[in-house]
């Protein structure tokens, strides 16, 4: 479980008797941000004939733009910067944590495998939904919990259920990403320990256990890369669906 420990690199300042430290988690978040900045700078050249970097950035932005257009419609355009940043930040965080830095005696750290991080990202998305919902519709936003044309007796049952399911959203959003990342890394760690222990037992058993474990590890790593992308996409997709609720209430149902 060593890989999930948040370790302090340097103490920064004290806040209300608590020492606020710069941790490995923060370091990898900064790394993801730097990677994101570098990625965006590649796309900022605005060349008429786009180079590889620019094409890559444009295709990613286009992908998120299309996602929002499909789910929110024309009003989705203004959320492209937020959802794009969210998607890329999660994706880069997931991928940086998968890099084989162990070869250089570094412990890669996946900040998306911490509930605090995924929780804050989910709360940010949820806050946008609430702010947009109330700013645009005022108290009509509460009609989200009351589907049109529902008889009053049924409504007394439906509204609380709708409300609870709405409040659970940020939690499920944060939990999904956190669980997927943590589970994958634990699985890789277990397989890695199989390989190491098998190598120490001797040739016969070592090869019998080590080689399949290693092959499985390569497979799981490939799967993890896929999961890293899928989870970032799911987070972005659900965020856009939730924003759609705030933008259009029940008009689209």
C-alpha atoms as a PDB file:
ATOM      1  CA  UNK A   1       0.000   0.000   0.000  1.00  0.00           C
ATOM      2  CA  UNK A   2       3.091   2.171   0.074  1.00  0.00           C
ATOM      3  CA  UNK A   3       2.231   3.638  -3.322  1.00  0.00           C
ATOM      4  CA  UNK A   4      -0.963   5.244  -1.976  1.00  0.00           C
ATOM      5  CA  UNK A   5       0.719   7.047   0.909  1.00  0.00           C
ATOM      6  CA  UNK A   6       0.643  10.797   0.767  1.00  0.00           C
ATOM      7  CA  UNK A   7       4.133  11.802   1.824  1.00  0.00           C
ATOM      8  CA  UNK A   8       5.331  15.260   2.704  1.00  0.00           C
ATOM      9  CA  UNK A   9       8.166  16.580   0.560  1.00  0.00           C
ATOM     10  CA  UNK A  10       8.540  19.978   2.223  1.00  0.00           C
ATOM     11  CA  UNK A  11       6.605  21.916   4.831  1.00  0.00           C
ATOM     12  CA  UNK A  12       5.300  25.180   3.428  1.00  0.00           C
ATOM     13  CA  UNK A  13       3.414  27.122   6.080  1.00  0.00           C
ATOM     14  CA  UNK A  14       1.296  26.676   9.172  1.00  0.00           C
ATOM     15  CA  UNK A  15      -2.433  27.272   9.094  1.00  0.00           C
ATOM     16  CA  UNK A  16      -4.424  27.161  12.327  1.00  0.00           C
ATOM     17  CA  UNK A  17      -1.902  24.893  14.034  1.00  0.00           C
ATOM     18  CA  UNK A  18      -1.789  22.563  11.021  1.00  0.00           C
ATOM     19  CA  UNK A  19       1.358  22.345   8.962  1.00  0.00           C
ATOM     20  CA  UNK A  20       0.486  22.628   5.292  1.00  0.00           C
ATOM     21  CA  UNK A  21       3.037  20.578   3.416  1.00  0.00           C
ATOM     22  CA  UNK A  22       3.924  20.162  -0.231  1.00  0.00           C
ATOM     23  CA  UNK A  23       3.281  16.458  -0.738  1.00  0.00           C
ATOM     24  CA  UNK A  24       3.952  13.876  -3.422  1.00  0.00           C
ATOM     25  CA  UNK A  25       0.269  14.190  -4.307  1.00  0.00           C
ATOM     26  CA  UNK A  26       0.662  17.922  -4.918  1.00  0.00           C
ATOM     27  CA  UNK A  27       3.862  17.266  -6.878  1.00  0.00           C
ATOM     28  CA  UNK A  28       2.070  14.939  -9.286  1.00  0.00           C
ATOM     29  CA  UNK A  29      -0.811  17.384  -9.636  1.00  0.00           C
ATOM     30  CA  UNK A  30       1.712  20.066 -10.580  1.00  0.00           C
ATOM     31  CA  UNK A  31       3.274  17.578 -13.020  1.00  0.00           C
ATOM     32  CA  UNK A  32      -0.141  16.950 -14.586  1.00  0.00           C
ATOM     33  CA  UNK A  33      -0.734  20.710 -14.832  1.00  0.00           C
ATOM     34  CA  UNK A  34       2.661  21.313 -16.412  1.00  0.00           C
ATOM     35  CA  UNK A  35       1.936  18.499 -18.881  1.00  0.00           C
ATOM     36  CA  UNK A  36      -1.433  20.098 -19.634  1.00  0.00           C
ATOM     37  CA  UNK A  37       0.167  23.531 -20.183  1.00  0.00           C
ATOM     38  CA  UNK A  38       2.796  22.001 -22.462  1.00  0.00           C
ATOM     39  CA  UNK A  39       0.060  20.153 -24.354  1.00  0.00           C
ATOM     40  CA  UNK A  40      -1.928  23.366 -24.828  1.00  0.00           C
ATOM     41  CA  UNK A  41       1.111  25.393 -25.889  1.00  0.00           C
ATOM     42  CA  UNK A  42       1.617  22.863 -28.678  1.00  0.00           C
ATOM     43  CA  UNK A  43      -1.828  23.755 -29.945  1.00  0.00           C
ATOM     44  CA  UNK A  44      -1.450  27.511 -29.624  1.00  0.00           C
ATOM     45  CA  UNK A  45       0.720  27.949 -32.684  1.00  0.00           C
ATOM     46  CA  UNK A  46      -2.311  28.616 -34.869  1.00  0.00           C
ATOM     47  CA  UNK A  47      -0.494  27.523 -37.982  1.00  0.00           C
ATOM     48  CA  UNK A  48      -2.516  27.310 -41.152  1.00  0.00           C
ATOM     49  CA  UNK A  49      -1.095  23.884 -41.855  1.00  0.00           C
ATOM     50  CA  UNK A  50      -1.224  22.377 -38.371  1.00  0.00           C
ATOM     51  CA  UNK A  51       1.738  20.360 -37.137  1.00  0.00           C
ATOM     52  CA  UNK A  52       1.339  17.131 -35.205  1.00  0.00           C
ATOM     53  CA  UNK A  53       1.057  18.800 -31.820  1.00  0.00           C
ATOM     54  CA  UNK A  54      -1.549  21.279 -33.006  1.00  0.00           C
ATOM     55  CA  UNK A  55      -3.564  18.538 -34.683  1.00  0.00           C
ATOM     56  CA  UNK A  56      -3.495  16.482 -31.500  1.00  0.00           C
ATOM     57  CA  UNK A  57      -4.706  19.392 -29.362  1.00  0.00           C
ATOM     58  CA  UNK A  58      -7.351  20.349 -31.908  1.00  0.00           C
ATOM     59  CA  UNK A  59      -8.684  16.810 -32.101  1.00  0.00           C
ATOM     60  CA  UNK A  60      -8.945  16.598 -28.290  1.00  0.00           C
ATOM     61  CA  UNK A  61     -10.664  19.979 -28.042  1.00  0.00           C
ATOM     62  CA  UNK A  62     -12.925  19.012 -30.934  1.00  0.00           C
ATOM     63  CA  UNK A  63     -13.784  15.774 -29.161  1.00  0.00           C
ATOM     64  CA  UNK A  64     -14.874  17.595 -25.975  1.00  0.00           C
ATOM     65  CA  UNK A  65     -16.635  20.286 -28.006  1.00  0.00           C
ATOM     66  CA  UNK A  66     -18.636  17.598 -29.806  1.00  0.00           C
ATOM     67  CA  UNK A  67     -19.407  15.840 -26.522  1.00  0.00           C
ATOM     68  CA  UNK A  68     -20.846  19.064 -25.073  1.00  0.00           C
ATOM     69  CA  UNK A  69     -22.694  19.945 -28.267  1.00  0.00           C
ATOM     70  CA  UNK A  70     -24.374  16.526 -28.283  1.00  0.00           C
ATOM     71  CA  UNK A  71     -25.366  16.668 -24.621  1.00  0.00           C
ATOM     72  CA  UNK A  72     -26.068  20.339 -23.981  1.00  0.00           C
ATOM     73  CA  UNK A  73     -26.564  21.764 -27.438  1.00  0.00           C
ATOM     74  CA  UNK A  74     -25.499  25.254 -28.439  1.00  0.00           C
ATOM     75  CA  UNK A  75     -25.260  26.402 -24.808  1.00  0.00           C
ATOM     76  CA  UNK A  76     -22.562  23.795 -24.224  1.00  0.00           C
ATOM     77  CA  UNK A  77     -19.856  25.774 -25.967  1.00  0.00           C
ATOM     78  CA  UNK A  78     -19.081  28.000 -22.990  1.00  0.00           C
ATOM     79  CA  UNK A  79     -18.286  24.955 -20.845  1.00  0.00           C
ATOM     80  CA  UNK A  80     -15.664  23.613 -23.249  1.00  0.00           C
ATOM     81  CA  UNK A  81     -12.674  25.141 -21.374  1.00  0.00           C
ATOM     82  CA  UNK A  82     -13.796  23.720 -18.029  1.00  0.00           C
ATOM     83  CA  UNK A  83     -14.743  20.235 -19.230  1.00  0.00           C
ATOM     84  CA  UNK A  84     -11.665  20.028 -21.450  1.00  0.00           C
ATOM     85  CA  UNK A  85      -9.356  20.973 -18.556  1.00  0.00           C
ATOM     86  CA  UNK A  86     -11.141  18.517 -16.273  1.00  0.00           C
ATOM     87  CA  UNK A  87     -10.842  15.718 -18.828  1.00  0.00           C
ATOM     88  CA  UNK A  88      -7.175  16.363 -19.588  1.00  0.00           C
ATOM     89  CA  UNK A  89      -6.222  16.840 -15.926  1.00  0.00           C
ATOM     90  CA  UNK A  90      -7.787  13.507 -14.944  1.00  0.00           C
ATOM     91  CA  UNK A  91      -6.369  11.748 -18.004  1.00  0.00           C
ATOM     92  CA  UNK A  92      -2.835  13.062 -17.434  1.00  0.00           C
ATOM     93  CA  UNK A  93      -3.051  12.334 -13.714  1.00  0.00           C
ATOM     94  CA  UNK A  94      -4.104   8.768 -14.450  1.00  0.00           C
ATOM     95  CA  UNK A  95      -1.394   8.249 -17.066  1.00  0.00           C
ATOM     96  CA  UNK A  96       1.455   9.867 -15.116  1.00  0.00           C
ATOM     97  CA  UNK A  97       0.640   7.520 -12.233  1.00  0.00           C
ATOM     98  CA  UNK A  98       1.041   4.552 -14.591  1.00  0.00           C
ATOM     99  CA  UNK A  99       4.505   5.468 -15.810  1.00  0.00           C
ATOM    100  CA  UNK A 100       7.172   2.926 -14.901  1.00  0.00           C
ATOM    101  CA  UNK A 101       9.100   5.432 -12.786  1.00  0.00           C
ATOM    102  CA  UNK A 102      10.002   2.612 -10.405  1.00  0.00           C
ATOM    103  CA  UNK A 103      12.880   1.924 -12.784  1.00  0.00           C
ATOM    104  CA  UNK A 104      14.374   5.250 -11.697  1.00  0.00           C
ATOM    105  CA  UNK A 105      13.770   4.547  -7.983  1.00  0.00           C
ATOM    106  CA  UNK A 106      10.813   6.948  -8.013  1.00  0.00           C
ATOM    107  CA  UNK A 107       7.424   5.974  -6.696  1.00  0.00           C
ATOM    108  CA  UNK A 108       4.809   7.107  -9.172  1.00  0.00           C
ATOM    109  CA  UNK A 109       1.798   8.531  -7.406  1.00  0.00           C
ATOM    110  CA  UNK A 110      -1.692   8.578  -8.871  1.00  0.00           C
ATOM    111  CA  UNK A 111      -3.532  11.476  -7.285  1.00  0.00           C
ATOM    112  CA  UNK A 112      -6.818  10.320  -8.832  1.00  0.00           C
ATOM    113  CA  UNK A 113      -6.624   7.253  -6.567  1.00  0.00           C
ATOM    114  CA  UNK A 114      -7.372   9.551  -3.629  1.00  0.00           C
ATOM    115  CA  UNK A 115     -10.951  10.266  -2.738  1.00  0.00           C
ATOM    116  CA  UNK A 116     -10.081  13.788  -1.582  1.00  0.00           C
ATOM    117  CA  UNK A 117      -8.877  14.701  -5.073  1.00  0.00           C
ATOM    118  CA  UNK A 118     -11.715  13.100  -7.025  1.00  0.00           C
ATOM    119  CA  UNK A 119     -14.104  14.529  -4.424  1.00  0.00           C
ATOM    120  CA  UNK A 120     -12.914  18.097  -5.001  1.00  0.00           C
ATOM    121  CA  UNK A 121     -13.194  17.655  -8.784  1.00  0.00           C
ATOM    122  CA  UNK A 122     -16.732  16.308  -8.364  1.00  0.00           C
ATOM    123  CA  UNK A 123     -17.675  19.180  -6.040  1.00  0.00           C
ATOM    124  CA  UNK A 124     -16.372  21.660  -8.629  1.00  0.00           C
ATOM    125  CA  UNK A 125     -18.568  20.114 -11.325  1.00  0.00           C
ATOM    126  CA  UNK A 126     -21.504  19.991  -8.939  1.00  0.00           C
ATOM    127  CA  UNK A 127     -21.016  23.646  -7.916  1.00  0.00           C
ATOM    128  CA  UNK A 128     -21.148  24.693 -11.564  1.00  0.00           C
ATOM    129  CA  UNK A 129     -24.425  22.778 -11.951  1.00  0.00           C
ATOM    130  CA  UNK A 130     -25.925  24.516  -8.902  1.00  0.00           C
ATOM    131  CA  UNK A 131     -24.646  27.992  -9.831  1.00  0.00           C
ATOM    132  CA  UNK A 132     -25.839  27.710 -13.447  1.00  0.00           C
ATOM    133  CA  UNK A 133     -29.139  26.162 -12.366  1.00  0.00           C
ATOM    134  CA  UNK A 134     -30.026  28.872  -9.855  1.00  0.00           C
ATOM    135  CA  UNK A 135     -28.581  31.752 -11.881  1.00  0.00           C
ATOM    136  CA  UNK A 136     -30.543  30.771 -14.958  1.00  0.00           C
ATOM    137  CA  UNK A 137     -33.805  29.492 -13.484  1.00  0.00           C
ATOM    138  CA  UNK A 138     -33.915  30.850  -9.913  1.00  0.00           C
ATOM    139  CA  UNK A 139     -36.211  28.776  -7.725  1.00  0.00           C
ATOM    140  CA  UNK A 140     -37.602  27.051 -10.815  1.00  0.00           C
ATOM    141  CA  UNK A 141     -34.442  24.976 -10.583  1.00  0.00           C
ATOM    142  CA  UNK A 142     -36.236  22.912  -7.935  1.00  0.00           C
ATOM    143  CA  UNK A 143     -38.670  21.761 -10.612  1.00  0.00           C
ATOM    144  CA  UNK A 144     -35.826  19.433 -11.614  1.00  0.00           C
ATOM    145  CA  UNK A 145     -37.015  17.175  -8.794  1.00  0.00           C
ATOM    146  CA  UNK A 146     -40.609  17.304  -9.965  1.00  0.00           C
ATOM    147  CA  UNK A 147     -41.118  15.844 -13.448  1.00  0.00           C
ATOM    148  CA  UNK A 148     -43.890  17.629 -15.346  1.00  0.00           C
ATOM    149  CA  UNK A 149     -47.395  16.255 -15.147  1.00  0.00           C
ATOM    150  CA  UNK A 150     -46.776  14.095 -12.087  1.00  0.00           C
ATOM    151  CA  UNK A 151     -49.880  13.829  -9.863  1.00  0.00           C
ATOM    152  CA  UNK A 152     -49.388  15.373  -6.398  1.00  0.00           C
ATOM    153  CA  UNK A 153     -49.586  12.121  -4.358  1.00  0.00           C
ATOM    154  CA  UNK A 154     -46.965  10.506  -6.598  1.00  0.00           C
ATOM    155  CA  UNK A 155     -44.914  13.688  -6.469  1.00  0.00           C
ATOM    156  CA  UNK A 156     -44.577  13.430  -2.688  1.00  0.00           C
ATOM    157  CA  UNK A 157     -42.875  10.121  -3.299  1.00  0.00           C
ATOM    158  CA  UNK A 158     -40.913  11.017  -6.436  1.00  0.00           C
ATOM    159  CA  UNK A 159     -39.514  14.411  -5.372  1.00  0.00           C
ATOM    160  CA  UNK A 160     -37.521  13.142  -2.354  1.00  0.00           C
ATOM    161  CA  UNK A 161     -36.135  10.245  -4.412  1.00  0.00           C
ATOM    162  CA  UNK A 162     -35.124  12.642  -7.207  1.00  0.00           C
ATOM    163  CA  UNK A 163     -33.569  14.988  -4.662  1.00  0.00           C
ATOM    164  CA  UNK A 164     -31.523  12.245  -3.006  1.00  0.00           C
ATOM    165  CA  UNK A 165     -30.333  10.886  -6.345  1.00  0.00           C
ATOM    166  CA  UNK A 166     -29.299  14.433  -7.296  1.00  0.00           C
ATOM    167  CA  UNK A 167     -27.357  14.914  -4.062  1.00  0.00           C
ATOM    168  CA  UNK A 168     -25.620  11.562  -4.478  1.00  0.00           C
ATOM    169  CA  UNK A 169     -24.252  12.582  -7.882  1.00  0.00           C
ATOM    170  CA  UNK A 170     -21.014  14.248  -6.791  1.00  0.00           C
ATOM    171  CA  UNK A 171     -20.338  11.333  -4.471  1.00  0.00           C
ATOM    172  CA  UNK A 172     -20.841   8.699  -7.175  1.00  0.00           C
ATOM    173  CA  UNK A 173     -18.828  10.789  -9.625  1.00  0.00           C
ATOM    174  CA  UNK A 174     -15.885  10.972  -7.216  1.00  0.00           C
ATOM    175  CA  UNK A 175     -16.200   7.376  -6.081  1.00  0.00           C
ATOM    176  CA  UNK A 176     -16.225   5.877  -9.575  1.00  0.00           C
ATOM    177  CA  UNK A 177     -12.897   7.428 -10.575  1.00  0.00           C
ATOM    178  CA  UNK A 178     -11.276   6.758  -7.206  1.00  0.00           C
ATOM    179  CA  UNK A 179     -12.297   3.082  -7.129  1.00  0.00           C
ATOM    180  CA  UNK A 180     -11.264   2.405 -10.727  1.00  0.00           C
ATOM    181  CA  UNK A 181      -7.811   3.898 -10.186  1.00  0.00           C
ATOM    182  CA  UNK A 182      -7.168   2.315  -6.801  1.00  0.00           C
ATOM    183  CA  UNK A 183      -8.313  -1.155  -7.876  1.00  0.00           C
ATOM    184  CA  UNK A 184      -6.142  -1.111 -10.981  1.00  0.00           C
ATOM    185  CA  UNK A 185      -3.044  -0.075  -9.077  1.00  0.00           C
ATOM    186  CA  UNK A 186      -3.552  -2.662  -6.350  1.00  0.00           C
ATOM    187  CA  UNK A 187      -3.914  -5.340  -9.025  1.00  0.00           C
ATOM    188  CA  UNK A 188      -0.682  -4.240 -10.712  1.00  0.00           C
ATOM    189  CA  UNK A 189       1.096  -4.189  -7.357  1.00  0.00           C
ATOM    190  CA  UNK A 190      -0.057  -7.718  -6.517  1.00  0.00           C
ATOM    191  CA  UNK A 191       1.099  -9.018  -9.901  1.00  0.00           C
ATOM    192  CA  UNK A 192       4.419  -7.199  -9.541  1.00  0.00           C
ATOM    193  CA  UNK A 193       5.004  -8.832  -6.160  1.00  0.00           C
ATOM    194  CA  UNK A 194       4.255 -12.214  -7.761  1.00  0.00           C
ATOM    195  CA  UNK A 195       6.939 -11.551 -10.366  1.00  0.00           C
ATOM    196  CA  UNK A 196       9.491 -10.452  -7.759  1.00  0.00           C
ATOM    197  CA  UNK A 197       8.781 -13.326  -5.377  1.00  0.00           C
ATOM    198  CA  UNK A 198       8.761 -15.867  -8.190  1.00  0.00           C
ATOM    199  CA  UNK A 199      12.165 -14.629  -9.353  1.00  0.00           C
ATOM    200  CA  UNK A 200      13.517 -15.241  -5.849  1.00  0.00           C
ATOM    201  CA  UNK A 201      12.266 -18.835  -5.542  1.00  0.00           C
ATOM    202  CA  UNK A 202      14.427 -20.430  -8.175  1.00  0.00           C
ATOM    203  CA  UNK A 203      14.372 -21.239 -11.867  1.00  0.00           C
ATOM    204  CA  UNK A 204      11.592 -23.836 -12.149  1.00  0.00           C
ATOM    205  CA  UNK A 205       8.826 -22.279 -10.061  1.00  0.00           C
ATOM    206  CA  UNK A 206      10.158 -18.815 -10.852  1.00  0.00           C
ATOM    207  CA  UNK A 207       9.506 -19.214 -14.558  1.00  0.00           C
ATOM    208  CA  UNK A 208       6.214 -21.048 -14.041  1.00  0.00           C
ATOM    209  CA  UNK A 209       4.779 -18.229 -11.920  1.00  0.00           C
ATOM    210  CA  UNK A 210       6.846 -15.263 -13.043  1.00  0.00           C
ATOM    211  CA  UNK A 211       6.267 -15.377 -16.778  1.00  0.00           C
ATOM    212  CA  UNK A 212       2.444 -15.665 -16.681  1.00  0.00           C
ATOM    213  CA  UNK A 213       2.358 -12.974 -13.953  1.00  0.00           C
ATOM    214  CA  UNK A 214       4.544 -10.690 -16.013  1.00  0.00           C
ATOM    215  CA  UNK A 215       2.459 -11.290 -19.150  1.00  0.00           C
ATOM    216  CA  UNK A 216      -0.664 -10.561 -17.122  1.00  0.00           C
ATOM    217  CA  UNK A 217       0.977  -7.436 -15.754  1.00  0.00           C
ATOM    218  CA  UNK A 218       1.661  -6.158 -19.263  1.00  0.00           C
ATOM    219  CA  UNK A 219      -1.948  -6.890 -20.173  1.00  0.00           C
ATOM    220  CA  UNK A 220      -3.322  -5.213 -17.071  1.00  0.00           C
ATOM    221  CA  UNK A 221      -1.076  -2.194 -17.692  1.00  0.00           C
ATOM    222  CA  UNK A 222      -2.533  -1.866 -21.171  1.00  0.00           C
ATOM    223  CA  UNK A 223      -5.996  -2.215 -19.678  1.00  0.00           C
ATOM    224  CA  UNK A 224      -5.147   0.454 -17.090  1.00  0.00           C
ATOM    225  CA  UNK A 225      -4.195   2.881 -19.855  1.00  0.00           C
ATOM    226  CA  UNK A 226      -7.585   2.217 -21.399  1.00  0.00           C
ATOM    227  CA  UNK A 227      -9.310   2.631 -18.022  1.00  0.00           C
ATOM    228  CA  UNK A 228      -7.396   5.894 -17.496  1.00  0.00           C
ATOM    229  CA  UNK A 229      -8.918   7.239 -20.702  1.00  0.00           C
ATOM    230  CA  UNK A 230     -12.381   5.809 -20.125  1.00  0.00           C
ATOM    231  CA  UNK A 231     -12.626   7.181 -16.579  1.00  0.00           C
ATOM    232  CA  UNK A 232     -11.584  10.658 -17.698  1.00  0.00           C
ATOM    233  CA  UNK A 233     -14.167  10.445 -20.474  1.00  0.00           C
ATOM    234  CA  UNK A 234     -16.921   9.238 -18.119  1.00  0.00           C
ATOM    235  CA  UNK A 235     -16.165  12.083 -15.708  1.00  0.00           C
ATOM    236  CA  UNK A 236     -16.395  14.616 -18.543  1.00  0.00           C
ATOM    237  CA  UNK A 237     -19.520  12.985 -19.986  1.00  0.00           C
ATOM    238  CA  UNK A 238     -21.390  12.927 -16.672  1.00  0.00           C
ATOM    239  CA  UNK A 239     -20.340  16.497 -15.911  1.00  0.00           C
ATOM    240  CA  UNK A 240     -21.814  17.577 -19.250  1.00  0.00           C
ATOM    241  CA  UNK A 241     -25.020  15.618 -18.616  1.00  0.00           C
ATOM    242  CA  UNK A 242     -25.402  17.262 -15.215  1.00  0.00           C
ATOM    243  CA  UNK A 243     -24.729  20.722 -16.646  1.00  0.00           C
ATOM    244  CA  UNK A 244     -27.362  19.950 -19.271  1.00  0.00           C
ATOM    245  CA  UNK A 245     -29.883  19.412 -16.464  1.00  0.00           C
ATOM    246  CA  UNK A 246     -28.991  22.824 -15.063  1.00  0.00           C
ATOM    247  CA  UNK A 247     -29.162  24.534 -18.452  1.00  0.00           C
ATOM    248  CA  UNK A 248     -32.410  23.041 -19.693  1.00  0.00           C
ATOM    249  CA  UNK A 249     -34.174  21.628 -16.604  1.00  0.00           C
ATOM    250  CA  UNK A 250     -36.754  19.199 -17.950  1.00  0.00           C
ATOM    251  CA  UNK A 251     -37.297  20.781 -21.354  1.00  0.00           C
ATOM    252  CA  UNK A 252     -35.254  18.067 -23.030  1.00  0.00           C
ATOM    253  CA  UNK A 253     -36.998  15.105 -21.417  1.00  0.00           C
END
